[in-house]
Amino acid sequence: MPDAPLSTAKPELSAVFCTVQQHFMDVIVPLWQGPGWNAEMALPFEALDAEHRPLPVQRYRAMACARQLFLFSSLMGHPSVPDADVRAAALFRSLQRHFHDAEHGGWFYSIDPQGAPLDRRKDLYTHAFIVFACAHYWGKVREPLVESVLNAALHVVAERFADGDGLYDAVLAENWSSLNAGPLQNPLMHLAEAFLATLEVREDSDTLAALMALADGMQRRFVDVGHGVMLEKPLGAVDNWSEPGHQFEWFYLLESSAHLRGTPLHRSLTTAFAHAQAQGVDQTTGAVASALQVDGSVKDGTQRIWAQAEYLRALTLRPDSQGLLARQLGALQDHFLHPTGWNECLDSHGRVSRSDMPSTTPYHLATCYIGLAEYFDG
């Protein structure tokens, strides 16, 4: 994670960014080097409680392993984390050792506390994060084995999950038979993120073609043009909704990509950003609501730290956003970060509703702070 030159922003905004970035390096990252790390399994615990004790182990997920692989890959070479390369290597090995399905291919969703496959289904969300993490890790180490796993994950996505219309099924059975799940927004967004990560580290015409087809499919099948939002389920599905955090996350991916900027999906999500900002963000406190009805009314007012981080990151790509950036960075610091970690969720009144700290959340904070560092770098 780069340290940011701070000469391009107001001193007070720069100072707050320095503080939250230092909190990440001094408080959050060490949680997953120490109490959050199961050395025997070479895996992160799923979550820590407010006193830094692992929650009772019920499972380990491949997705959580992959997110932590991204985290420590991003920290390789950082002087504050001299053993990041050792941890990343351990996580990469664990991904293969614990979760890879040697019989059917792909990766299991989860294993039990003893390391045996638990949920043996194959889900797109997990495979997207494996592509994402392996692309980042390979970009750092350039080891043939890492690229072979990246290629295998991309192949599985293309051959097993693709639905023939540019999108992908959300989940399949252990043996790749259909569960009639169909596509869902969130795993598809992370697949787009994974494709972009791959294209950052190598030229890849097949991945680029898949990315562009995915963007086209999302525009056709998930964007409600009338309400100006990206929906969580395909158009026409019963009980659909939108999530402001996902509008912001999509906007960042599209706006930051030379491949996707200017596409119909990019134009749609620029509109969706404005709707999510107006309807899903408290203009006084900066709180981001969890979910909105299709008409824009609040469905779930829970405030989640990942959505706060995604809004903050998206603002770095909006023109004339310095005032809002200052407000949102202050809101993150004041309401979600604390001296020994973070608050995962607040209720609609701003009271802490989840104080446990999942191993998956540092991924969101890391990507947010990387986006902020690039913003300060001009």
Protein backbone atom coordinates (compact mmCIF):
# COMPACT_ATOMS: atom_id res chain seq x y z
CA MET A 1 0.00 0.00 0.00
CA PRO A 2 1.63 3.25 -1.10
CA ASP A 3 2.25 6.10 1.27
CA ALA A 4 0.74 9.25 -0.16
CA PRO A 5 2.40 12.57 -0.97
CA LEU A 6 0.12 15.02 0.73
CA SER A 7 0.96 18.34 -0.89
CA THR A 8 -2.06 18.40 -3.20
CA ALA A 9 -4.84 18.55 -0.61
CA LYS A 10 -5.84 20.79 2.26
CA PRO A 11 -3.62 20.19 5.29
CA GLU A 12 -6.50 19.16 7.54
CA LEU A 13 -7.74 16.53 5.05
CA SER A 14 -4.20 15.28 4.59
CA ALA A 15 -3.75 15.01 8.34
CA VAL A 16 -6.91 12.93 8.77
CA PHE A 17 -5.84 10.60 5.96
CA CYS A 18 -2.43 10.15 7.60
CA THR A 19 -4.18 9.29 10.85
CA VAL A 20 -6.54 6.67 9.42
CA GLN A 21 -3.81 5.16 7.27
CA GLN A 22 -1.56 4.88 10.31
CA HIS A 23 -4.42 3.31 12.26
CA PHE A 24 -4.68 0.69 9.53
CA MET A 25 -0.98 -0.12 9.69
CA ASP A 26 -0.60 0.07 13.48
CA VAL A 27 -3.89 -1.47 14.63
CA ILE A 28 -5.78 -3.35 11.92
CA VAL A 29 -3.03 -5.16 10.03
CA PRO A 30 -1.40 -6.50 13.23
CA LEU A 31 -4.73 -8.07 14.24
CA TRP A 32 -4.33 -10.48 11.31
CA GLN A 33 -0.66 -11.09 11.96
CA GLY A 34 -1.33 -12.07 15.58
CA PRO A 35 -4.66 -12.97 17.20
CA GLY A 36 -6.49 -13.33 13.90
CA TRP A 37 -4.05 -15.89 12.49
CA ASN A 38 -4.46 -19.62 13.06
CA ALA A 39 -0.87 -20.76 12.60
CA GLU A 40 -1.78 -24.44 12.74
CA MET A 41 -4.19 -24.13 9.80
CA ALA A 42 -2.26 -21.27 8.17
CA LEU A 43 -5.57 -19.46 7.76
CA PRO A 44 -7.14 -16.32 9.19
CA PHE A 45 -9.90 -16.85 11.71
CA GLU A 46 -13.24 -15.72 10.34
CA ALA A 47 -13.61 -12.93 12.90
CA LEU A 48 -12.31 -11.48 16.16
CA ASP A 49 -14.42 -10.09 18.97
CA ALA A 50 -13.93 -6.63 20.43
CA GLU A 51 -11.26 -8.02 22.78
CA HIS A 52 -9.33 -9.55 19.86
CA ARG A 53 -10.35 -13.11 20.66
CA PRO A 54 -11.26 -15.38 17.74
CA LEU A 55 -14.96 -16.13 17.57
CA PRO A 56 -15.78 -19.83 18.00
CA VAL A 57 -14.65 -21.52 14.81
CA GLN A 58 -17.48 -22.90 12.71
CA ARG A 59 -15.84 -22.68 9.29
CA TYR A 60 -13.11 -21.17 7.17
CA ARG A 61 -14.04 -19.73 3.77
CA ALA A 62 -11.90 -19.70 0.64
CA MET A 63 -13.11 -16.17 -0.05
CA ALA A 64 -11.75 -14.94 3.30
CA CYS A 65 -8.41 -16.60 2.58
CA ALA A 66 -8.31 -14.93 -0.84
CA ARG A 67 -9.15 -11.48 0.57
CA GLN A 68 -6.33 -11.80 3.06
CA LEU A 69 -4.01 -12.93 0.26
CA PHE A 70 -4.84 -9.67 -1.49
CA LEU A 71 -4.27 -7.71 1.73
CA PHE A 72 -0.78 -9.06 2.35
CA SER A 73 0.11 -8.94 -1.34
CA SER A 74 -0.72 -5.23 -1.27
CA LEU A 75 1.62 -4.80 1.70
CA MET A 76 4.62 -6.58 0.18
CA GLY A 77 7.58 -4.22 0.28
CA HIS A 78 6.00 -1.97 2.91
CA PRO A 79 8.59 -1.30 5.64
CA SER A 80 5.98 -1.65 8.39
CA VAL A 81 5.15 -5.23 7.34
CA PRO A 82 8.50 -6.85 6.53
CA ASP A 83 7.04 -10.38 6.57
CA ALA A 84 4.12 -9.61 4.24
CA ASP A 85 5.67 -11.80 1.55
CA VAL A 86 5.87 -14.75 3.97
CA ARG A 87 2.22 -14.35 4.97
CA ALA A 88 1.08 -13.98 1.36
CA ALA A 89 2.94 -17.14 0.40
CA ALA A 90 1.34 -19.03 3.28
CA LEU A 91 -2.14 -17.85 2.29
CA PHE A 92 -1.56 -18.83 -1.34
CA ARG A 93 -0.51 -22.33 -0.27
CA SER A 94 -3.51 -22.62 2.05
CA LEU A 95 -5.89 -21.65 -0.71
CA GLN A 96 -4.72 -24.65 -2.69
CA ARG A 97 -4.21 -27.02 0.21
CA HIS A 98 -7.52 -26.51 1.97
CA PHE A 99 -10.03 -25.42 -0.66
CA HIS A 100 -9.07 -26.78 -4.07
CA ASP A 101 -11.28 -29.62 -5.30
CA ALA A 102 -8.87 -32.13 -6.80
CA GLU A 103 -11.69 -34.30 -8.14
CA HIS A 104 -13.99 -31.81 -9.87
CA GLY A 105 -11.80 -28.74 -10.15
CA GLY A 106 -12.49 -25.31 -8.75
CA TRP A 107 -12.57 -24.40 -5.10
CA PHE A 108 -14.95 -25.34 -2.29
CA TYR A 109 -16.83 -22.56 -0.55
CA SER A 110 -15.73 -23.54 2.97
CA ILE A 111 -14.06 -26.12 5.20
CA ASP A 112 -14.89 -27.16 8.75
CA PRO A 113 -12.71 -26.43 11.81
CA GLN A 114 -10.71 -29.61 11.17
CA GLY A 115 -10.04 -28.75 7.54
CA ALA A 116 -12.53 -31.08 5.83
CA PRO A 117 -14.76 -29.67 3.06
CA LEU A 118 -17.92 -28.22 4.63
CA ASP A 119 -19.96 -26.34 2.02
CA ARG A 120 -18.79 -28.09 -1.13
CA ARG A 121 -20.69 -25.89 -3.57
CA LYS A 122 -18.85 -23.80 -6.14
CA ASP A 123 -19.84 -20.15 -5.98
CA LEU A 124 -18.84 -17.34 -8.30
CA TYR A 125 -18.15 -14.89 -5.45
CA THR A 126 -15.38 -17.16 -4.14
CA HIS A 127 -13.89 -17.80 -7.57
CA ALA A 128 -13.92 -14.09 -8.39
CA PHE A 129 -11.88 -13.34 -5.30
CA ILE A 130 -9.45 -16.14 -6.11
CA VAL A 131 -8.86 -14.56 -9.54
CA PHE A 132 -8.56 -11.12 -7.93
CA ALA A 133 -6.10 -12.21 -5.23
CA CYS A 134 -3.97 -14.37 -7.51
CA ALA A 135 -3.71 -11.56 -10.08
CA HIS A 136 -2.45 -9.16 -7.41
CA TYR A 137 -0.09 -11.75 -5.93
CA TRP A 138 1.29 -12.78 -9.31
CA GLY A 139 1.85 -9.12 -10.12
CA LYS A 140 4.19 -8.99 -7.13
CA VAL A 141 6.02 -12.33 -7.36
CA ARG A 142 5.74 -13.39 -11.04
CA GLU A 143 5.99 -17.05 -10.03
CA PRO A 144 4.77 -19.59 -12.62
CA LEU A 145 2.76 -21.54 -10.04
CA VAL A 146 0.78 -18.44 -9.09
CA GLU A 147 0.00 -17.66 -12.71
CA SER A 148 -1.08 -21.26 -13.27
CA VAL A 149 -3.61 -20.96 -10.45
CA LEU A 150 -4.79 -17.63 -11.86
CA ASN A 151 -5.24 -19.25 -15.26
CA ALA A 152 -7.07 -22.21 -13.74
CA ALA A 153 -9.48 -19.92 -11.91
CA LEU A 154 -10.16 -17.88 -15.05
CA HIS A 155 -10.73 -21.10 -17.01
CA VAL A 156 -13.21 -22.43 -14.44
CA VAL A 157 -15.14 -19.17 -14.49
CA ALA A 158 -15.33 -19.20 -18.29
CA GLU A 159 -16.10 -22.90 -18.72
CA ARG A 160 -18.33 -23.62 -15.74
CA PHE A 161 -20.10 -20.45 -14.58
CA ALA A 162 -20.76 -18.64 -17.89
CA ASP A 163 -24.46 -18.56 -18.84
CA GLY A 164 -23.96 -17.88 -22.55
CA ASP A 165 -25.32 -14.34 -22.36
CA GLY A 166 -22.30 -12.49 -21.02
CA LEU A 167 -23.10 -13.23 -17.35
CA TYR A 168 -22.46 -16.07 -14.93
CA ASP A 169 -24.41 -18.28 -12.53
CA ALA A 170 -23.97 -17.31 -8.88
CA VAL A 171 -23.55 -20.85 -7.53
CA LEU A 172 -23.26 -24.41 -8.82
CA ALA A 173 -23.13 -27.82 -7.16
CA GLU A 174 -19.88 -29.51 -6.19
CA ASN A 175 -19.84 -31.41 -9.51
CA TRP A 176 -20.81 -28.26 -11.47
CA SER A 177 -24.41 -29.29 -12.00
CA SER A 178 -26.96 -26.49 -12.04
CA LEU A 179 -28.71 -25.29 -8.90
CA ASN A 180 -30.87 -22.88 -10.95
CA ALA A 181 -29.39 -19.94 -9.08
CA GLY A 182 -28.96 -17.63 -12.06
CA PRO A 183 -26.87 -14.46 -11.94
CA LEU A 184 -26.65 -12.06 -8.96
CA GLN A 185 -25.17 -8.58 -8.93
CA ASN A 186 -22.57 -8.82 -6.16
CA PRO A 187 -20.50 -11.76 -7.43
CA LEU A 188 -20.63 -10.30 -10.93
CA MET A 189 -19.26 -6.99 -9.67
CA HIS A 190 -16.37 -8.76 -8.00
CA LEU A 191 -15.77 -10.75 -11.15
CA ALA A 192 -15.45 -7.47 -13.05
CA GLU A 193 -13.00 -6.33 -10.37
CA ALA A 194 -11.06 -9.59 -10.81
CA PHE A 195 -10.93 -9.22 -14.59
CA LEU A 196 -9.63 -5.66 -14.15
CA ALA A 197 -6.96 -6.85 -11.70
CA THR A 198 -5.84 -9.45 -14.25
CA LEU A 199 -5.63 -6.86 -17.01
CA GLU A 200 -3.51 -4.63 -14.76
CA VAL A 201 -0.75 -7.24 -14.58
CA ARG A 202 -0.78 -8.70 -18.11
CA GLU A 203 -2.22 -8.39 -21.58
CA ASP A 204 -5.08 -10.87 -21.85
CA SER A 205 -7.44 -10.65 -24.80
CA ASP A 206 -9.79 -13.36 -23.52
CA THR A 207 -10.21 -11.63 -20.15
CA LEU A 208 -10.75 -8.28 -21.84
CA ALA A 209 -13.45 -9.76 -24.07
CA ALA A 210 -15.11 -11.35 -21.04
CA LEU A 211 -15.00 -8.04 -19.18
CA MET A 212 -16.65 -6.14 -21.99
CA ALA A 213 -19.34 -8.82 -22.40
CA LEU A 214 -19.94 -8.70 -18.65
CA ALA A 215 -20.39 -4.92 -18.74
CA ASP A 216 -22.85 -5.28 -21.59
CA GLY A 217 -24.77 -8.01 -19.76
CA MET A 218 -24.99 -5.96 -16.56
CA GLN A 219 -26.37 -3.01 -18.50
CA ARG A 220 -29.03 -5.15 -20.19
CA ARG A 221 -30.05 -7.33 -17.27
CA PHE A 222 -29.42 -5.43 -14.02
CA VAL A 223 -29.70 -1.69 -14.64
CA ASP A 224 -33.14 -0.21 -13.98
CA VAL A 225 -32.95 2.72 -16.37
CA GLY A 226 -36.21 4.19 -15.11
CA HIS A 227 -34.98 4.50 -11.53
CA GLY A 228 -31.31 4.94 -12.44
CA VAL A 229 -29.91 2.15 -10.27
CA MET A 230 -28.04 -1.15 -10.46
CA LEU A 231 -30.32 -3.77 -8.88
CA GLU A 232 -29.17 -6.71 -6.77
CA LYS A 233 -31.16 -9.26 -8.76
CA PRO A 234 -31.92 -9.30 -12.50
CA LEU A 235 -34.62 -7.02 -13.87
CA GLY A 236 -38.06 -8.49 -13.26
CA ALA A 237 -37.06 -10.50 -10.19
CA VAL A 238 -39.44 -10.45 -7.21
CA ASP A 239 -38.51 -8.32 -4.15
CA ASN A 240 -35.61 -6.55 -5.80
CA TRP A 241 -33.62 -3.73 -4.23
CA SER A 242 -30.47 -1.64 -4.63
CA GLU A 243 -27.53 -1.01 -2.32
CA PRO A 244 -25.82 2.39 -2.28
CA GLY A 245 -22.48 0.80 -1.41
CA HIS A 246 -22.62 -1.29 -4.57
CA GLN A 247 -23.52 1.72 -6.73
CA PHE A 248 -20.40 3.43 -5.38
CA GLU A 249 -18.25 0.33 -5.80
CA TRP A 250 -19.37 -0.15 -9.41
CA PHE A 251 -18.83 3.53 -10.15
CA TYR A 252 -15.24 3.35 -8.93
CA LEU A 253 -14.46 0.27 -11.04
CA LEU A 254 -15.96 1.82 -14.16
CA GLU A 255 -14.60 5.33 -13.72
CA SER A 256 -11.08 4.11 -12.95
CA SER A 257 -10.86 1.74 -15.95
CA ALA A 258 -9.77 2.91 -19.38
CA HIS A 259 -11.54 -0.17 -20.75
CA LEU A 260 -14.92 0.59 -19.15
CA ARG A 261 -15.00 4.37 -19.00
CA GLY A 262 -17.47 5.67 -21.59
CA THR A 263 -19.46 2.44 -21.90
CA PRO A 264 -23.25 2.45 -21.47
CA LEU A 265 -22.74 0.82 -18.06
CA HIS A 266 -20.38 3.60 -17.01
CA ARG A 267 -22.96 6.21 -18.00
CA SER A 268 -25.67 4.34 -16.09
CA LEU A 269 -23.58 4.05 -12.94
CA THR A 270 -22.67 7.72 -13.06
CA THR A 271 -26.43 8.35 -12.79
CA ALA A 272 -26.75 5.62 -10.17
CA PHE A 273 -24.01 7.28 -8.09
CA ALA A 274 -26.04 10.49 -7.96
CA HIS A 275 -29.22 8.65 -6.96
CA ALA A 276 -27.42 6.63 -4.27
CA GLN A 277 -25.78 9.76 -2.92
CA ALA A 278 -29.07 11.66 -2.74
CA GLN A 279 -31.24 8.83 -1.41
CA GLY A 280 -28.83 6.61 0.52
CA VAL A 281 -26.43 9.02 2.24
CA ASP A 282 -27.38 11.18 5.21
CA GLN A 283 -26.31 14.65 4.11
CA THR A 284 -25.57 15.72 7.69
CA THR A 285 -23.72 12.73 9.14
CA GLY A 286 -22.46 11.07 5.97
CA ALA A 287 -24.00 7.74 7.01
CA VAL A 288 -24.51 5.34 4.09
CA ALA A 289 -27.69 3.22 4.29
CA SER A 290 -27.40 -0.47 3.59
CA ALA A 291 -30.28 -0.93 1.13
CA LEU A 292 -32.92 1.03 -0.73
CA GLN A 293 -36.19 0.02 -2.30
CA VAL A 294 -36.27 0.29 -6.07
CA ASP A 295 -38.10 3.64 -5.73
CA GLY A 296 -35.27 5.02 -3.59
CA SER A 297 -36.88 4.80 -0.15
CA VAL A 298 -34.79 3.26 2.63
CA LYS A 299 -35.20 -0.50 2.96
CA ASP A 300 -32.43 -1.05 5.55
CA GLY A 301 -30.81 1.86 7.39
CA THR A 302 -27.95 -0.22 8.82
CA GLN A 303 -24.58 1.47 8.31
CA ARG A 304 -21.81 -0.94 7.25
CA ILE A 305 -18.15 0.00 7.27
CA TRP A 306 -17.56 -1.47 3.81
CA ALA A 307 -20.22 0.82 2.28
CA GLN A 308 -18.68 3.83 4.03
CA ALA A 309 -15.30 2.86 2.58
CA GLU A 310 -16.69 2.38 -0.92
CA TYR A 311 -18.40 5.79 -0.90
CA LEU A 312 -15.18 7.40 0.27
CA ARG A 313 -13.17 5.66 -2.45
CA ALA A 314 -15.70 6.61 -5.15
CA LEU A 315 -15.53 10.26 -4.10
CA THR A 316 -11.84 10.33 -5.02
CA LEU A 317 -12.92 10.08 -8.68
CA ARG A 318 -15.65 12.75 -8.49
CA PRO A 319 -14.91 16.33 -9.50
CA ASP A 320 -14.81 18.99 -6.78
CA SER A 321 -15.23 16.39 -4.05
CA GLN A 322 -12.71 17.65 -1.50
CA GLY A 323 -15.35 18.92 0.93
CA LEU A 324 -17.30 15.68 0.80
CA LEU A 325 -14.08 13.68 1.11
CA ALA A 326 -13.26 15.56 4.30
CA ARG A 327 -16.73 14.87 5.72
CA GLN A 328 -16.69 11.19 4.80
CA LEU A 329 -13.15 10.59 6.00
CA GLY A 330 -14.12 12.22 9.29
CA ALA A 331 -17.25 10.06 9.50
CA LEU A 332 -15.21 6.90 8.96
CA GLN A 333 -12.72 7.95 11.62
CA ASP A 334 -15.29 9.13 14.16
CA HIS A 335 -17.96 6.46 13.85
CA PHE A 336 -16.24 3.31 12.63
CA LEU A 337 -12.59 3.33 13.69
CA HIS A 338 -11.54 3.08 17.32
CA PRO A 339 -8.22 2.63 19.14
CA THR A 340 -8.36 -1.17 19.12
CA GLY A 341 -10.01 -1.86 15.76
CA TRP A 342 -13.27 -0.98 14.04
CA ASN A 343 -17.05 -1.16 14.31
CA GLU A 344 -18.38 -3.45 11.59
CA CYS A 345 -21.96 -2.14 11.66
CA LEU A 346 -23.98 0.69 13.17
CA ASP A 347 -27.76 0.69 13.31
CA SER A 348 -29.87 3.35 11.63
CA HIS A 349 -29.41 5.61 14.69
CA GLY A 350 -25.62 5.31 14.65
CA ARG A 351 -25.33 2.86 17.56
CA VAL A 352 -22.88 -0.03 17.30
CA SER A 353 -24.80 -3.13 16.25
CA ARG A 354 -21.84 -5.37 15.38
CA SER A 355 -18.54 -5.06 17.18
CA ASP A 356 -16.95 -8.24 15.85
CA MET A 357 -14.22 -7.73 13.27
CA PRO A 358 -14.37 -10.08 10.26
CA SER A 359 -11.20 -11.07 8.44
CA THR A 360 -12.80 -9.95 5.17
CA THR A 361 -13.18 -6.26 6.07
CA PRO A 362 -9.50 -5.20 5.76
CA TYR A 363 -9.85 -5.82 2.01
CA HIS A 364 -12.38 -2.97 1.79
CA LEU A 365 -10.28 -0.65 3.93
CA ALA A 366 -7.12 -1.46 1.95
CA THR A 367 -8.77 -0.73 -1.41
CA CYS A 368 -10.25 2.47 0.02
CA TYR A 369 -6.91 3.70 1.33
CA ILE A 370 -5.15 2.78 -1.92
CA GLY A 371 -7.73 4.89 -3.76
CA LEU A 372 -7.17 7.76 -1.34
CA ALA A 373 -3.40 7.51 -1.71
CA GLU A 374 -3.77 7.75 -5.49
CA TYR A 375 -6.04 10.77 -5.04
CA PHE A 376 -3.49 12.56 -2.89
CA ASP A 377 -0.80 11.65 -5.40
CA GLY A 378 -2.70 13.75 -7.92
